[in-house]
Protein backbone atom coordinates (compact mmCIF):
# COMPACT_ATOMS: atom_id res chain seq x y z
CA UNK A 1 14.17 14.99 -5.04
CA UNK A 2 15.50 14.38 -1.67
CA UNK A 3 19.60 14.52 -1.17
CA UNK A 4 19.87 11.51 1.23
CA UNK A 5 23.15 10.89 3.56
CA UNK A 6 22.60 7.16 2.32
CA UNK A 7 20.60 6.66 -0.96
CA UNK A 8 18.79 3.88 -1.75
CA UNK A 9 20.45 2.62 -4.32
CA UNK A 10 23.00 4.32 -6.83
CA UNK A 11 26.34 3.40 -8.87
CA UNK A 12 29.73 5.18 -8.58
CA UNK A 13 31.46 6.56 -11.47
CA UNK A 14 35.10 6.83 -10.92
CA UNK A 15 37.83 8.64 -12.88
CA UNK A 16 39.22 5.47 -14.82
CA UNK A 17 36.24 3.72 -15.23
CA UNK A 18 34.97 6.83 -17.18
CA UNK A 19 38.11 7.34 -19.13
CA UNK A 20 38.14 3.66 -20.08
CA UNK A 21 34.36 4.20 -21.74
CA UNK A 22 35.59 7.13 -23.54
CA UNK A 23 38.75 5.22 -25.30
CA UNK A 24 36.16 2.21 -26.33
CA UNK A 25 34.25 4.88 -27.61
CA UNK A 26 36.74 6.59 -29.74
CA UNK A 27 38.59 3.58 -30.96
CA UNK A 28 36.10 0.93 -31.97
CA UNK A 29 33.07 1.43 -34.41
CA UNK A 30 29.52 2.33 -32.65
CA UNK A 31 27.75 -1.35 -33.73
CA UNK A 32 31.12 -3.03 -32.79
CA UNK A 33 30.70 -1.86 -29.46
CA UNK A 34 27.01 -2.57 -29.10
CA UNK A 35 27.78 -6.11 -30.69
CA UNK A 36 30.24 -6.84 -27.73
CA UNK A 37 28.33 -6.35 -25.03
CA UNK A 38 25.71 -8.13 -26.34
CA UNK A 39 28.07 -10.84 -26.84
CA UNK A 40 29.22 -10.11 -23.23
CA UNK A 41 25.23 -10.49 -22.37
CA UNK A 42 24.76 -13.91 -24.02
CA UNK A 43 28.45 -15.65 -22.12
CA UNK A 44 27.04 -14.11 -18.84
CA UNK A 45 23.13 -15.68 -19.05
CA UNK A 46 23.60 -18.74 -21.10
CA UNK A 47 20.76 -17.26 -23.56
CA UNK A 48 21.35 -17.75 -27.25
CA UNK A 49 20.60 -14.47 -28.39
CA UNK A 50 20.66 -10.78 -26.80
CA UNK A 51 19.72 -7.58 -28.11
CA UNK A 52 20.97 -4.01 -26.33
CA UNK A 53 18.13 -1.49 -26.00
CA UNK A 54 17.92 1.70 -24.40
CA UNK A 55 15.90 0.63 -21.52
CA UNK A 56 14.27 -2.69 -19.95
CA UNK A 57 10.26 -1.07 -20.70
CA UNK A 58 11.42 -1.38 -24.31
CA UNK A 59 12.74 -4.94 -24.51
CA UNK A 60 9.29 -5.32 -22.98
CA UNK A 61 7.68 -4.04 -25.68
CA UNK A 62 9.24 -5.76 -28.46
CA UNK A 63 8.97 -9.02 -26.60
CA UNK A 64 4.98 -8.40 -26.80
CA UNK A 65 4.92 -7.18 -30.50
CA UNK A 66 7.07 -10.21 -31.60
CA UNK A 67 4.06 -12.21 -30.10
CA UNK A 68 1.95 -10.49 -32.68
CA UNK A 69 0.13 -8.98 -29.15
CA UNK A 70 -2.33 -6.20 -30.05
CA UNK A 71 -6.37 -4.79 -29.41
CA UNK A 72 -8.33 -7.41 -27.92
CA UNK A 73 -5.36 -9.73 -26.60
CA UNK A 74 -5.11 -10.48 -22.86
CA UNK A 75 -1.84 -10.65 -20.98
CA UNK A 76 -1.57 -12.35 -17.59
CA UNK A 77 1.28 -10.09 -15.39
CA UNK A 78 1.86 -9.92 -11.73
CA UNK A 79 0.51 -7.25 -9.96
CA UNK A 80 3.28 -6.90 -7.23
CA UNK A 81 5.92 -4.80 -9.65
CA UNK A 82 6.69 -1.51 -10.89
CA UNK A 83 4.52 0.24 -13.51
CA UNK A 84 6.66 -0.67 -16.58
CA UNK A 85 5.91 -4.34 -16.35
CA UNK A 86 2.31 -3.44 -17.23
CA UNK A 87 2.67 -0.37 -19.74
CA UNK A 88 3.78 -2.07 -22.45
CA UNK A 89 1.14 -4.30 -22.55
CA UNK A 90 -1.14 -0.93 -23.08
CA UNK A 91 1.43 -0.03 -25.72
CA UNK A 92 0.05 -2.47 -27.87
CA UNK A 93 -3.47 -2.10 -27.17
CA UNK A 94 -3.92 -5.09 -25.19
CA UNK A 95 -5.34 -5.83 -21.85
CA UNK A 96 -3.75 -6.73 -18.33
CA UNK A 97 -5.08 -9.52 -16.35
CA UNK A 98 -3.23 -9.55 -12.70
CA UNK A 99 -1.77 -11.90 -10.79
CA UNK A 100 -1.71 -11.74 -6.79
CA UNK A 101 2.02 -12.63 -5.18
CA UNK A 102 2.46 -15.74 -3.15
CA UNK A 103 4.05 -14.97 0.30
CA UNK A 104 7.35 -16.59 -0.01
CA UNK A 105 9.02 -15.00 -2.81
CA UNK A 106 6.56 -11.91 -3.33
CA UNK A 107 6.16 -13.11 -7.03
CA UNK A 108 3.64 -14.64 -8.98
CA UNK A 109 1.21 -17.21 -7.29
CA UNK A 110 1.42 -20.32 -9.65
CA UNK A 111 -2.05 -21.18 -8.06
CA UNK A 112 -3.74 -18.05 -8.92
CA UNK A 113 -2.03 -18.39 -12.37
CA UNK A 114 -3.71 -21.74 -12.93
CA UNK A 115 -6.73 -20.28 -11.66
CA UNK A 116 -6.97 -17.31 -14.15
CA UNK A 117 -5.88 -19.58 -16.87
CA UNK A 118 -8.73 -22.12 -16.61
CA UNK A 119 -11.47 -19.37 -15.57
CA UNK A 120 -10.34 -17.65 -18.79
CA UNK A 121 -10.46 -20.93 -21.02
CA UNK A 122 -13.89 -21.41 -19.58
CA UNK A 123 -15.09 -18.08 -21.01
CA UNK A 124 -13.46 -19.02 -24.44
CA UNK A 125 -10.20 -16.83 -23.93
CA UNK A 126 -6.62 -17.59 -24.25
CA UNK A 127 -4.20 -15.38 -23.17
CA UNK A 128 -1.68 -14.36 -25.33
CA UNK A 129 1.21 -14.14 -22.89
CA UNK A 130 2.60 -14.15 -19.00
CA UNK A 131 4.55 -11.68 -17.81
CA UNK A 132 6.73 -12.84 -14.93
CA UNK A 133 8.08 -10.28 -13.04
CA UNK A 134 10.93 -11.33 -10.68
CA UNK A 135 10.60 -8.70 -7.93
CA UNK A 136 13.45 -7.16 -6.18
CA UNK A 137 15.79 -9.64 -8.01
CA UNK A 138 14.21 -12.76 -6.37
CA UNK A 139 13.23 -15.45 -8.85
CA UNK A 140 10.08 -16.58 -9.24
CA UNK A 141 8.50 -20.15 -8.61
CA UNK A 142 9.42 -20.67 -12.23
CA UNK A 143 9.53 -24.77 -11.45
CA UNK A 144 5.99 -24.25 -10.98
CA UNK A 145 4.83 -21.75 -13.67
CA UNK A 146 6.30 -22.91 -16.76
CA UNK A 147 5.07 -26.35 -16.77
CA UNK A 148 1.59 -24.52 -16.39
CA UNK A 149 1.82 -22.12 -18.90
CA UNK A 150 3.31 -25.03 -21.06
CA UNK A 151 -0.38 -26.81 -20.30
CA UNK A 152 -2.14 -23.84 -21.34
CA UNK A 153 0.13 -23.35 -24.47
CA UNK A 154 0.85 -19.67 -23.57
CA UNK A 155 4.40 -17.94 -23.92
CA UNK A 156 6.22 -16.80 -20.61
CA UNK A 157 8.17 -13.35 -20.73
CA UNK A 158 10.28 -13.15 -17.80
CA UNK A 159 10.91 -9.48 -16.80
CA UNK A 160 14.14 -9.92 -15.06
CA UNK A 161 14.53 -5.92 -14.86
CA UNK A 162 15.71 -6.40 -11.06
CA UNK A 163 17.18 -9.72 -11.31
CA UNK A 164 20.45 -9.55 -13.57
CA UNK A 165 22.34 -12.44 -11.94
CA UNK A 166 19.98 -14.45 -10.37
CA UNK A 167 19.38 -18.00 -11.02
CA UNK A 168 17.11 -20.49 -10.38
CA UNK A 169 18.59 -24.26 -10.23
CA UNK A 170 21.87 -22.01 -11.76
CA UNK A 171 19.98 -20.94 -14.61
CA UNK A 172 19.80 -17.25 -14.84
CA UNK A 173 16.39 -15.70 -14.14
CA UNK A 174 15.19 -14.11 -17.98
CA UNK A 175 16.47 -17.67 -19.45
CA UNK A 176 13.85 -19.88 -19.03
CA UNK A 177 10.83 -18.19 -21.14
CA UNK A 178 10.16 -17.93 -24.14
CA UNK A 179 12.09 -14.67 -23.98
CA UNK A 180 13.55 -12.16 -21.02
CA UNK A 181 14.40 -8.44 -20.33
CA UNK A 182 16.86 -6.89 -18.57
CA UNK A 183 17.08 -3.42 -17.30
CA UNK A 184 20.75 -1.78 -16.76
CA UNK A 185 19.10 1.74 -15.47
CA UNK A 186 21.59 4.05 -13.25
CA UNK A 187 20.14 2.39 -9.83
CA UNK A 188 20.56 -1.16 -10.91
CA UNK A 189 23.03 -3.53 -9.49
CA UNK A 190 24.85 -3.84 -13.13
CA UNK A 191 24.34 -0.33 -14.93
CA UNK A 192 25.33 1.29 -18.31
CA UNK A 193 23.47 4.50 -17.24
CA UNK A 194 20.14 3.77 -19.08
CA UNK A 195 19.79 1.03 -21.19
CA UNK A 196 18.30 -2.57 -21.14
CA UNK A 197 18.51 -5.60 -23.00
CA UNK A 198 16.14 -8.43 -24.88
CA UNK A 199 17.24 -12.06 -24.66
CA UNK A 200 15.67 -15.15 -26.09
CA UNK A 201 16.86 -18.66 -27.97
CA UNK A 202 15.05 -17.58 -31.31
CA UNK A 203 17.42 -16.03 -33.77
CA UNK A 204 14.69 -14.73 -35.99
CA UNK A 205 12.93 -12.95 -32.98
CA UNK A 206 16.32 -11.67 -32.06
CA UNK A 207 17.12 -10.08 -35.34
CA UNK A 208 12.98 -8.44 -35.83
CA UNK A 209 13.78 -6.98 -32.28
CA UNK A 210 17.00 -5.48 -33.42
CA UNK A 211 15.46 -4.25 -36.79
CA UNK A 212 12.53 -2.78 -34.79
CA UNK A 213 14.80 -0.93 -32.53
CA UNK A 214 16.02 1.42 -35.45
CA UNK A 215 12.86 2.28 -36.52
CA UNK A 216 12.91 -0.77 -38.74
CA UNK A 217 14.90 0.55 -41.38
CA UNK A 218 15.55 -1.87 -44.37
CA UNK A 219 19.05 -3.46 -45.40
CA UNK A 220 18.82 -0.79 -48.28
CA UNK A 221 21.80 2.11 -49.37
CA UNK A 222 18.64 4.03 -49.05
CA UNK A 223 16.60 4.95 -46.10
CA UNK A 224 13.23 2.64 -46.47
CA UNK A 225 10.82 1.67 -43.74
CA UNK A 226 8.54 -0.95 -44.79
CA UNK A 227 6.93 -1.27 -41.17
CA UNK A 228 6.93 0.23 -37.78
CA UNK A 229 9.79 0.79 -35.57
CA UNK A 230 10.92 2.54 -32.70
CA UNK A 231 13.92 4.55 -31.22
CA UNK A 232 15.18 1.78 -28.97
CA UNK A 233 18.61 0.86 -29.82
CA UNK A 234 21.32 1.60 -26.87
CA UNK A 235 23.59 4.36 -27.56
CA UNK A 236 27.45 2.74 -27.98
CA UNK A 237 28.33 4.84 -24.98
CA UNK A 238 25.84 3.06 -22.65
CA UNK A 239 26.99 -0.40 -24.45
CA UNK A 240 30.67 0.48 -23.16
CA UNK A 241 29.88 1.42 -19.80
CA UNK A 242 27.84 -1.58 -19.45
CA UNK A 243 30.66 -3.73 -20.66
CA UNK A 244 32.94 -2.53 -18.19
CA UNK A 245 30.32 -3.24 -15.26
CA UNK A 246 30.15 -6.66 -16.57
CA UNK A 247 33.59 -7.49 -15.50
CA UNK A 248 32.52 -6.96 -11.86
CA UNK A 249 29.14 -8.23 -12.00
CA UNK A 250 29.46 -10.98 -9.63
CA UNK A 251 31.73 -8.99 -7.17
CA UNK A 252 28.45 -5.93 -7.47
CA UNK A 253 25.78 -8.41 -7.09
CA UNK A 254 27.61 -10.50 -4.34
CA UNK A 255 28.02 -6.94 -2.51
CA UNK A 256 23.69 -6.67 -2.35
CA UNK A 257 23.55 -10.23 -1.05
CA UNK A 258 26.14 -9.48 2.05
CA UNK A 259 23.83 -6.01 2.36
CA UNK A 260 20.78 -8.39 2.92
CA UNK A 261 22.47 -10.53 5.38
CA UNK A 262 23.51 -7.85 7.32
CA UNK A 263 20.26 -6.09 7.85
CA UNK A 264 19.01 -10.09 8.44
CA UNK A 265 21.36 -10.47 11.39
CA UNK A 266 21.35 -7.11 12.78
CA UNK A 267 17.42 -6.46 13.00
CA UNK A 268 16.67 -10.43 13.56
CA UNK A 269 12.69 -10.96 13.85
CA UNK A 270 12.21 -7.46 13.51
CA UNK A 271 12.19 -8.15 9.96
CA UNK A 272 11.23 -10.96 7.40
CA UNK A 273 12.70 -10.77 3.66
CA UNK A 274 11.86 -12.71 0.18
CA UNK A 275 12.87 -16.85 0.98
CA UNK A 276 15.47 -17.97 -1.29
CA UNK A 277 13.47 -21.49 -1.96
CA UNK A 278 15.77 -24.70 -2.81
CA UNK A 279 17.50 -23.99 -5.89
CA UNK A 280 17.07 -19.95 -5.70
CA UNK A 281 19.52 -17.53 -5.92
CA UNK A 282 18.19 -13.86 -5.49
CA UNK A 283 20.46 -11.01 -6.68
CA UNK A 284 19.42 -9.03 -3.74
CA UNK A 285 19.05 -5.99 -5.94
CA UNK A 286 16.81 -3.92 -3.19
CA UNK A 287 16.97 -5.28 0.36
CA UNK A 288 13.41 -5.54 1.00
CA UNK A 289 11.52 -6.68 4.29
CA UNK A 290 8.42 -6.97 6.02
CA UNK A 291 8.01 -5.27 9.14
CA UNK A 292 6.89 -6.96 12.38
CA UNK A 293 5.55 -4.29 13.69
CA UNK A 294 4.40 -0.95 11.33
CA UNK A 295 3.58 1.59 14.23
CA UNK A 296 6.78 3.50 13.25
CA UNK A 297 6.72 2.80 9.65
CA UNK A 298 6.22 6.47 7.91
CA UNK A 299 8.49 7.82 11.19
CA UNK A 300 11.28 5.48 8.60
CA UNK A 301 9.87 6.98 5.56
CA UNK A 302 9.86 10.35 6.58
CA UNK A 303 13.50 10.79 7.97
CA UNK A 304 16.02 12.85 6.01
CA UNK A 305 19.13 10.39 6.38
CA UNK A 306 18.44 6.97 5.21
CA UNK A 307 16.34 6.57 1.95
CA UNK A 308 13.61 4.30 2.91
CA UNK A 309 10.56 3.18 0.42
CA UNK A 310 7.59 1.41 0.65
CA UNK A 311 7.74 -1.49 -1.60
CA UNK A 312 5.62 -1.39 -4.50
CA UNK A 313 1.99 -0.10 -4.55
CA UNK A 314 0.26 -2.71 -6.52
CA UNK A 315 -0.85 -2.47 -9.89
CA UNK A 316 -4.41 -3.18 -9.57
CA UNK A 317 -4.82 -0.55 -7.51
CA UNK A 318 -3.04 1.97 -9.96
CA UNK A 319 -5.44 4.19 -11.46
CA UNK A 320 -4.05 3.86 -14.39
CA UNK A 321 -5.34 0.05 -14.61
CA UNK A 322 -8.74 1.16 -13.30
CA UNK A 323 -11.13 -1.63 -14.33
CA UNK A 324 -8.82 -4.34 -15.21
CA UNK A 325 -9.43 -7.68 -13.54
CA UNK A 326 -7.25 -9.41 -10.84
CA UNK A 327 -7.00 -12.44 -9.52
CA UNK A 328 -6.17 -11.63 -5.58
CA UNK A 329 -5.25 -13.52 -2.43
CA UNK A 330 -4.60 -10.32 -0.27
CA UNK A 331 -0.44 -10.57 -0.28
CA UNK A 332 0.52 -7.65 -2.81
CA UNK A 333 -1.92 -5.26 -0.61
CA UNK A 334 -0.63 -6.60 2.34
CA UNK A 335 3.22 -6.02 1.27
CA UNK A 336 2.57 -3.04 0.47
CA UNK A 337 1.20 -1.65 4.16
CA UNK A 338 3.94 -3.65 6.02
CA UNK A 339 6.94 -3.90 3.92
CA UNK A 340 9.93 -1.53 3.18
CA UNK A 341 13.07 -1.34 0.89
CA UNK A 342 16.34 -0.66 3.12
CA UNK A 343 19.52 1.24 1.32
CA UNK A 344 20.85 -1.40 -0.60
CA UNK A 345 23.68 -0.09 -3.23
CA UNK A 346 27.45 0.85 -1.77
CA UNK A 347 27.62 2.07 1.57
CA UNK A 348 30.08 3.37 3.55
CA UNK A 349 30.91 1.02 6.70
CA UNK A 350 30.38 3.97 9.32
CA UNK A 351 26.91 5.04 7.66
CA UNK A 352 25.53 1.35 7.76
CA UNK A 353 26.15 0.93 11.58
CA UNK A 354 24.89 4.15 12.41
CA UNK A 355 21.82 3.47 9.92
CA UNK A 356 21.82 0.03 11.75
CA UNK A 357 21.84 1.39 15.40
CA UNK A 358 18.79 3.68 14.26
CA UNK A 359 16.73 0.95 12.94
CA UNK A 360 17.13 -1.18 16.12
CA UNK A 361 15.62 1.92 18.11
CA UNK A 362 12.70 2.42 15.59
CA UNK A 363 11.63 -1.16 15.21
């Protein structure tokens, strides 16, 4: 991988923070540390239940299992996303059906969702779940999606891996559906340097997910396993670091929002970002923008100083999902051709100014 002067998104570990993690790891029991992180997620998000896991992907896999999804089942899912939003569907032996994005938020198009549900119902098929992705930290149109899902009696799982702290009408992304998942990977706004969480209002689901995450070990004095489980539990070291990160979560997210606003101010009508519709507040995990003029797009990506990437290549175009049905309107395909992500994490002022001057020339 290239060593960029200004990377896309990264988190620094300072000596004091690392020592605090080590002290917590030494003084408290492993389970107490993990439970403490879960309690902090509950306090911040407003979700009644939280289960700390070793990745957002693991959380999504367990969410699907909790809905008894398996071979022969269909799951509707956003096409404009990262592959980890879809792979767990295949882990369960189920079939994804992709739903395109709408232009304002770049998230699942409610009209296409309604069309998909109606057409599938006409064939005697009812999807077992809808996975709605909050891309790049921007909340999806949950005010429209949830009534549609409720009408067709299909549970919604929110993939809020990129949207910790994002809100819709002051309610956290991830807490609006039946279940939600977060990621605390090392490139996320809030990190545990590897980790994720499942949130839900169902205590039975939370209990099952926690059990399955530790190889489904029974509560016995000896090792006994009556059902299939996984090695999905979060490490106490990750939980300890996540606890520390949660102290400054709001500052970190506001800093990313500020970076987005500064790009918008400096580059003006050269770029167009995801729109915060009324009631929405994005976490702006990455500053993603459509370019008014794409003639220099490849030069932007190929430069050696500033890490600039294309946005997600839609899942309906990925070979691993070849043949999957997709309800499309052209938005995700167009975004892949014309939109990029700029460096979005902690950036030194002089580096940001240099980058913006260069972007003004290139765009």
